Amino acid sequence: MATVADMKSAIEDAGYQYLGVAGEGTEDLEEVARERDLREKRNRFIVGFAVGIPLMILMRVTVAKFPFSMAYFMLVVSAPAFIYVSHPIFSAAYRALKNRNLNMDVMYSMGI
């Protein structure tokens, strides 16, 4: 027989979040998890646009003045933002590959 602890560890090893057994007040846990997830996605979206829009403007404005140094500047500025924004996709792809499962996250990661 599998215990609740065994099921919890199997769920978390597969890359999902264990919210408890139905009837144990899981509605509140689900709502808190949903709100936290939406807040994290909103923050990642805002960071992506806050970094991406100024870089796109700089690409059009300063191309003729600083062609070589601007490329390194954009790499340094955009790399941390890219890693922060795309971390959930790459971590989900890693979990899928670890479990020998190909899904859309793996495809997105290969395309990026």
N, C-alpha and C. Protein backbone atom coordinates (compact mmCIF):
# COMPACT_ATOMS: atom_id res chain seq x y z
N MET A 1 0.84 -1.18 0.00
CA MET A 1 0.00 0.00 0.00
C MET A 1 0.87 1.24 0.00
N ALA A 2 0.48 2.18 -0.75
CA ALA A 2 1.20 3.45 -0.80
C ALA A 2 0.62 4.39 0.26
N THR A 3 1.50 5.03 0.96
CA THR A 3 1.06 5.99 1.98
C THR A 3 0.95 7.38 1.35
N VAL A 4 0.39 8.31 2.12
CA VAL A 4 0.25 9.68 1.65
C VAL A 4 1.64 10.29 1.43
N ALA A 5 2.59 9.96 2.28
CA ALA A 5 3.95 10.48 2.13
C ALA A 5 4.59 9.96 0.84
N ASP A 6 4.31 8.68 0.50
CA ASP A 6 4.83 8.13 -0.76
C ASP A 6 4.24 8.85 -1.97
N MET A 7 2.93 9.11 -1.90
CA MET A 7 2.28 9.82 -3.00
C MET A 7 2.81 11.25 -3.11
N LYS A 8 3.01 11.88 -1.96
CA LYS A 8 3.53 13.25 -1.97
C LYS A 8 4.90 13.30 -2.62
N SER A 9 5.78 12.38 -2.25
CA SER A 9 7.13 12.38 -2.83
C SER A 9 7.10 12.06 -4.32
N ALA A 10 6.21 11.15 -4.74
CA ALA A 10 6.10 10.82 -6.16
C ALA A 10 5.59 12.02 -6.96
N ILE A 11 4.63 12.74 -6.40
CA ILE A 11 4.08 13.92 -7.09
C ILE A 11 5.15 14.99 -7.22
N GLU A 12 5.88 15.24 -6.14
CA GLU A 12 6.91 16.28 -6.18
C GLU A 12 8.10 15.87 -7.04
N ASP A 13 8.42 14.58 -7.09
CA ASP A 13 9.49 14.12 -7.97
C ASP A 13 9.12 14.27 -9.45
N ALA A 14 7.82 14.19 -9.73
CA ALA A 14 7.37 14.36 -11.12
C ALA A 14 7.34 15.82 -11.53
N GLY A 15 7.57 16.73 -10.57
CA GLY A 15 7.63 18.15 -10.90
C GLY A 15 6.38 18.93 -10.59
N TYR A 16 5.44 18.31 -9.87
CA TYR A 16 4.21 19.00 -9.53
C TYR A 16 4.24 19.42 -8.07
N GLN A 17 3.26 20.22 -7.69
CA GLN A 17 3.18 20.70 -6.31
C GLN A 17 2.08 19.93 -5.60
N TYR A 18 2.41 19.36 -4.44
CA TYR A 18 1.44 18.63 -3.64
C TYR A 18 0.68 19.61 -2.77
N LEU A 19 -0.65 19.63 -2.91
CA LEU A 19 -1.48 20.57 -2.16
C LEU A 19 -2.28 19.90 -1.06
N GLY A 20 -2.12 18.62 -0.86
CA GLY A 20 -2.83 17.93 0.21
C GLY A 20 -3.92 17.03 -0.33
N VAL A 21 -4.61 16.38 0.60
CA VAL A 21 -5.68 15.46 0.26
C VAL A 21 -6.99 16.24 0.23
N ALA A 22 -7.88 15.89 -0.69
CA ALA A 22 -9.18 16.58 -0.79
C ALA A 22 -9.93 16.46 0.53
N GLY A 23 -10.50 17.57 0.94
CA GLY A 23 -11.26 17.58 2.19
C GLY A 23 -10.45 18.07 3.38
N GLU A 24 -9.19 18.36 3.19
CA GLU A 24 -8.34 18.84 4.29
C GLU A 24 -8.12 20.34 4.20
N GLY A 25 -9.09 21.06 3.68
CA GLY A 25 -8.92 22.50 3.53
C GLY A 25 -8.03 22.85 2.35
N THR A 26 -8.05 22.01 1.33
CA THR A 26 -7.17 22.24 0.19
C THR A 26 -7.63 23.38 -0.69
N GLU A 27 -8.90 23.80 -0.55
CA GLU A 27 -9.39 24.91 -1.36
C GLU A 27 -8.58 26.16 -1.07
N ASP A 28 -8.30 26.40 0.21
CA ASP A 28 -7.50 27.56 0.57
C ASP A 28 -6.08 27.45 0.03
N LEU A 29 -5.51 26.26 0.13
CA LEU A 29 -4.15 26.06 -0.38
C LEU A 29 -4.10 26.25 -1.89
N GLU A 30 -5.13 25.78 -2.58
CA GLU A 30 -5.18 25.95 -4.03
C GLU A 30 -5.28 27.41 -4.41
N GLU A 31 -6.11 28.15 -3.68
CA GLU A 31 -6.27 29.58 -3.97
C GLU A 31 -4.97 30.34 -3.71
N VAL A 32 -4.29 30.03 -2.62
CA VAL A 32 -3.01 30.68 -2.31
C VAL A 32 -1.97 30.34 -3.37
N ALA A 33 -1.92 29.07 -3.77
CA ALA A 33 -0.95 28.65 -4.79
C ALA A 33 -1.26 29.32 -6.13
N ARG A 34 -2.54 29.44 -6.48
CA ARG A 34 -2.92 30.08 -7.73
C ARG A 34 -2.55 31.56 -7.72
N GLU A 35 -2.82 32.24 -6.61
CA GLU A 35 -2.47 33.66 -6.50
C GLU A 35 -0.97 33.88 -6.57
N ARG A 36 -0.21 33.02 -5.90
CA ARG A 36 1.25 33.14 -5.93
C ARG A 36 1.79 32.90 -7.35
N ASP A 37 1.22 31.91 -8.03
CA ASP A 37 1.66 31.61 -9.39
C ASP A 37 1.35 32.78 -10.33
N LEU A 38 0.16 33.35 -10.23
CA LEU A 38 -0.20 34.49 -11.08
C LEU A 38 0.67 35.70 -10.78
N ARG A 39 0.98 35.92 -9.51
CA ARG A 39 1.84 37.05 -9.13
C ARG A 39 3.24 36.87 -9.71
N GLU A 40 3.78 35.64 -9.65
CA GLU A 40 5.10 35.38 -10.22
C GLU A 40 5.10 35.57 -11.74
N LYS A 41 4.05 35.10 -12.41
CA LYS A 41 3.96 35.27 -13.86
C LYS A 41 3.85 36.74 -14.24
N ARG A 42 3.06 37.49 -13.47
CA ARG A 42 2.92 38.93 -13.75
C ARG A 42 4.26 39.63 -13.59
N ASN A 43 5.00 39.29 -12.53
CA ASN A 43 6.30 39.92 -12.30
C ASN A 43 7.29 39.59 -13.41
N ARG A 44 7.28 38.35 -13.87
CA ARG A 44 8.17 37.96 -14.97
C ARG A 44 7.80 38.70 -16.26
N PHE A 45 6.52 38.86 -16.50
CA PHE A 45 6.05 39.59 -17.68
C PHE A 45 6.50 41.04 -17.62
N ILE A 46 6.34 41.66 -16.46
CA ILE A 46 6.73 43.07 -16.30
C ILE A 46 8.23 43.24 -16.48
N VAL A 47 9.02 42.35 -15.89
CA VAL A 47 10.48 42.44 -16.03
C VAL A 47 10.88 42.27 -17.49
N GLY A 48 10.26 41.33 -18.18
CA GLY A 48 10.58 41.11 -19.59
C GLY A 48 10.32 42.35 -20.44
N PHE A 49 9.18 43.00 -20.22
CA PHE A 49 8.89 44.21 -20.97
C PHE A 49 9.73 45.39 -20.51
N ALA A 50 9.97 45.49 -19.21
CA ALA A 50 10.75 46.63 -18.70
C ALA A 50 12.18 46.60 -19.23
N VAL A 51 12.71 45.43 -19.49
CA VAL A 51 14.07 45.33 -20.03
C VAL A 51 14.03 45.31 -21.56
N GLY A 52 13.05 44.64 -22.14
CA GLY A 52 13.01 44.47 -23.59
C GLY A 52 12.70 45.73 -24.37
N ILE A 53 11.73 46.51 -23.91
CA ILE A 53 11.34 47.71 -24.65
C ILE A 53 12.48 48.73 -24.73
N PRO A 54 13.14 49.07 -23.61
CA PRO A 54 14.27 50.01 -23.74
C PRO A 54 15.40 49.48 -24.62
N LEU A 55 15.66 48.17 -24.57
CA LEU A 55 16.71 47.61 -25.43
C LEU A 55 16.33 47.70 -26.91
N MET A 56 15.05 47.48 -27.22
CA MET A 56 14.62 47.62 -28.62
C MET A 56 14.74 49.06 -29.09
N ILE A 57 14.43 50.00 -28.22
CA ILE A 57 14.58 51.41 -28.58
C ILE A 57 16.06 51.75 -28.79
N LEU A 58 16.92 51.26 -27.90
CA LEU A 58 18.36 51.51 -28.04
C LEU A 58 18.92 50.90 -29.33
N MET A 59 18.38 49.77 -29.74
CA MET A 59 18.86 49.17 -30.99
C MET A 59 18.63 50.08 -32.18
N ARG A 60 17.50 50.74 -32.20
CA ARG A 60 17.18 51.61 -33.34
C ARG A 60 17.91 52.95 -33.27
N VAL A 61 18.14 53.45 -32.06
CA VAL A 61 18.68 54.79 -31.91
C VAL A 61 20.20 54.82 -32.04
N THR A 62 20.89 53.90 -31.41
CA THR A 62 22.34 54.02 -31.28
C THR A 62 23.13 53.04 -32.13
N VAL A 63 22.54 52.47 -33.14
CA VAL A 63 23.26 51.49 -33.96
C VAL A 63 24.44 52.13 -34.66
N ALA A 64 24.28 53.30 -35.20
CA ALA A 64 25.34 53.94 -35.97
C ALA A 64 26.46 54.48 -35.08
N LYS A 65 26.16 54.83 -33.85
CA LYS A 65 27.17 55.45 -32.99
C LYS A 65 28.09 54.43 -32.32
N PHE A 66 27.53 53.38 -31.75
CA PHE A 66 28.32 52.42 -30.98
C PHE A 66 28.01 51.00 -31.43
N PRO A 67 28.43 50.57 -32.59
CA PRO A 67 28.02 49.26 -33.08
C PRO A 67 28.62 48.09 -32.30
N PHE A 68 29.83 48.22 -31.78
CA PHE A 68 30.45 47.06 -31.13
C PHE A 68 30.20 47.03 -29.64
N SER A 69 30.37 48.14 -28.97
CA SER A 69 30.19 48.15 -27.53
C SER A 69 28.73 47.97 -27.14
N MET A 70 27.80 48.37 -28.01
CA MET A 70 26.39 48.25 -27.70
C MET A 70 25.96 46.78 -27.66
N ALA A 71 26.57 45.94 -28.47
CA ALA A 71 26.22 44.52 -28.47
C ALA A 71 26.56 43.88 -27.13
N TYR A 72 27.71 44.21 -26.59
CA TYR A 72 28.09 43.65 -25.29
C TYR A 72 27.21 44.21 -24.18
N PHE A 73 26.88 45.49 -24.27
CA PHE A 73 26.00 46.10 -23.29
C PHE A 73 24.63 45.41 -23.28
N MET A 74 24.09 45.16 -24.47
CA MET A 74 22.78 44.51 -24.56
C MET A 74 22.84 43.07 -24.07
N LEU A 75 23.93 42.39 -24.32
CA LEU A 75 24.09 41.04 -23.81
C LEU A 75 24.09 41.03 -22.29
N VAL A 76 24.84 41.93 -21.70
CA VAL A 76 24.94 41.99 -20.24
C VAL A 76 23.60 42.36 -19.61
N VAL A 77 22.86 43.25 -20.23
CA VAL A 77 21.58 43.68 -19.67
C VAL A 77 20.49 42.64 -19.91
N SER A 78 20.47 42.04 -21.09
CA SER A 78 19.37 41.14 -21.42
C SER A 78 19.53 39.72 -20.87
N ALA A 79 20.74 39.25 -20.65
CA ALA A 79 20.93 37.87 -20.20
C ALA A 79 20.28 37.60 -18.84
N PRO A 80 20.50 38.43 -17.82
CA PRO A 80 19.82 38.15 -16.54
C PRO A 80 18.30 38.20 -16.65
N ALA A 81 17.79 39.15 -17.43
CA ALA A 81 16.34 39.24 -17.60
C ALA A 81 15.81 38.01 -18.34
N PHE A 82 16.53 37.56 -19.35
CA PHE A 82 16.12 36.37 -20.09
C PHE A 82 16.11 35.14 -19.19
N ILE A 83 17.13 35.00 -18.38
CA ILE A 83 17.20 33.85 -17.47
C ILE A 83 16.05 33.89 -16.47
N TYR A 84 15.77 35.08 -15.93
CA TYR A 84 14.68 35.21 -14.95
C TYR A 84 13.33 34.92 -15.59
N VAL A 85 13.10 35.45 -16.78
CA VAL A 85 11.79 35.28 -17.42
C VAL A 85 11.60 33.84 -17.90
N SER A 86 12.62 33.21 -18.42
CA SER A 86 12.46 31.88 -19.01
C SER A 86 12.78 30.73 -18.06
N HIS A 87 13.12 31.01 -16.83
CA HIS A 87 13.46 29.96 -15.87
C HIS A 87 12.36 28.91 -15.71
N PRO A 88 11.08 29.28 -15.59
CA PRO A 88 10.06 28.23 -15.44
C PRO A 88 9.99 27.28 -16.62
N ILE A 89 10.20 27.77 -17.82
CA ILE A 89 10.14 26.91 -19.00
C ILE A 89 11.30 25.93 -19.00
N PHE A 90 12.50 26.42 -18.72
CA PHE A 90 13.67 25.54 -18.72
C PHE A 90 13.63 24.54 -17.57
N SER A 91 13.15 24.94 -16.40
CA SER A 91 13.08 23.99 -15.29
C SER A 91 12.01 22.94 -15.55
N ALA A 92 10.88 23.31 -16.17
CA ALA A 92 9.86 22.33 -16.52
C ALA A 92 10.38 21.37 -17.58
N ALA A 93 11.15 21.87 -18.53
CA ALA A 93 11.73 21.01 -19.56
C ALA A 93 12.73 20.04 -18.94
N TYR A 94 13.51 20.52 -17.99
CA TYR A 94 14.47 19.64 -17.32
C TYR A 94 13.75 18.52 -16.56
N ARG A 95 12.68 18.88 -15.84
CA ARG A 95 11.91 17.87 -15.11
C ARG A 95 11.30 16.86 -16.07
N ALA A 96 10.80 17.33 -17.21
CA ALA A 96 10.21 16.42 -18.19
C ALA A 96 11.26 15.46 -18.75
N LEU A 97 12.43 15.98 -19.09
CA LEU A 97 13.48 15.11 -19.61
C LEU A 97 13.99 14.15 -18.55
N LYS A 98 14.03 14.61 -17.31
CA LYS A 98 14.47 13.74 -16.21
C LYS A 98 13.50 12.57 -16.04
N ASN A 99 12.22 12.82 -16.30
CA ASN A 99 11.22 11.76 -16.20
C ASN A 99 10.99 11.04 -17.53
N ARG A 100 11.88 11.29 -18.50
CA ARG A 100 11.81 10.67 -19.82
C ARG A 100 10.47 10.93 -20.50
N ASN A 101 10.10 12.21 -20.51
CA ASN A 101 8.83 12.62 -21.09
C ASN A 101 9.08 13.84 -21.96
N LEU A 102 8.62 13.80 -23.19
CA LEU A 102 8.74 14.95 -24.07
C LEU A 102 7.41 15.70 -24.07
N ASN A 103 7.47 16.99 -23.76
CA ASN A 103 6.26 17.81 -23.76
C ASN A 103 6.56 19.14 -24.43
N MET A 104 5.61 20.05 -24.35
CA MET A 104 5.76 21.35 -25.01
C MET A 104 6.89 22.18 -24.40
N ASP A 105 7.15 22.02 -23.11
CA ASP A 105 8.24 22.77 -22.49
C ASP A 105 9.59 22.39 -23.09
N VAL A 106 9.76 21.11 -23.39
CA VAL A 106 11.00 20.67 -24.04
C VAL A 106 11.11 21.28 -25.43
N MET A 107 9.99 21.32 -26.15
CA MET A 107 10.01 21.90 -27.49
C MET A 107 10.33 23.39 -27.43
N TYR A 108 9.71 24.11 -26.50
CA TYR A 108 10.00 25.54 -26.35
C TYR A 108 11.47 25.76 -26.02
N SER A 109 12.00 24.95 -25.12
CA SER A 109 13.41 25.11 -24.72
C SER A 109 14.35 24.85 -25.89
N MET A 110 14.02 23.89 -26.71
CA MET A 110 14.86 23.63 -27.88
C MET A 110 14.77 24.77 -28.88
N GLY A 111 13.62 25.41 -28.97
CA GLY A 111 13.45 26.52 -29.90
C GLY A 111 14.12 27.79 -29.44
N ILE A 112 14.22 27.95 -28.14
CA ILE A 112 14.86 29.16 -27.60
C ILE A 112 16.34 29.03 -27.77
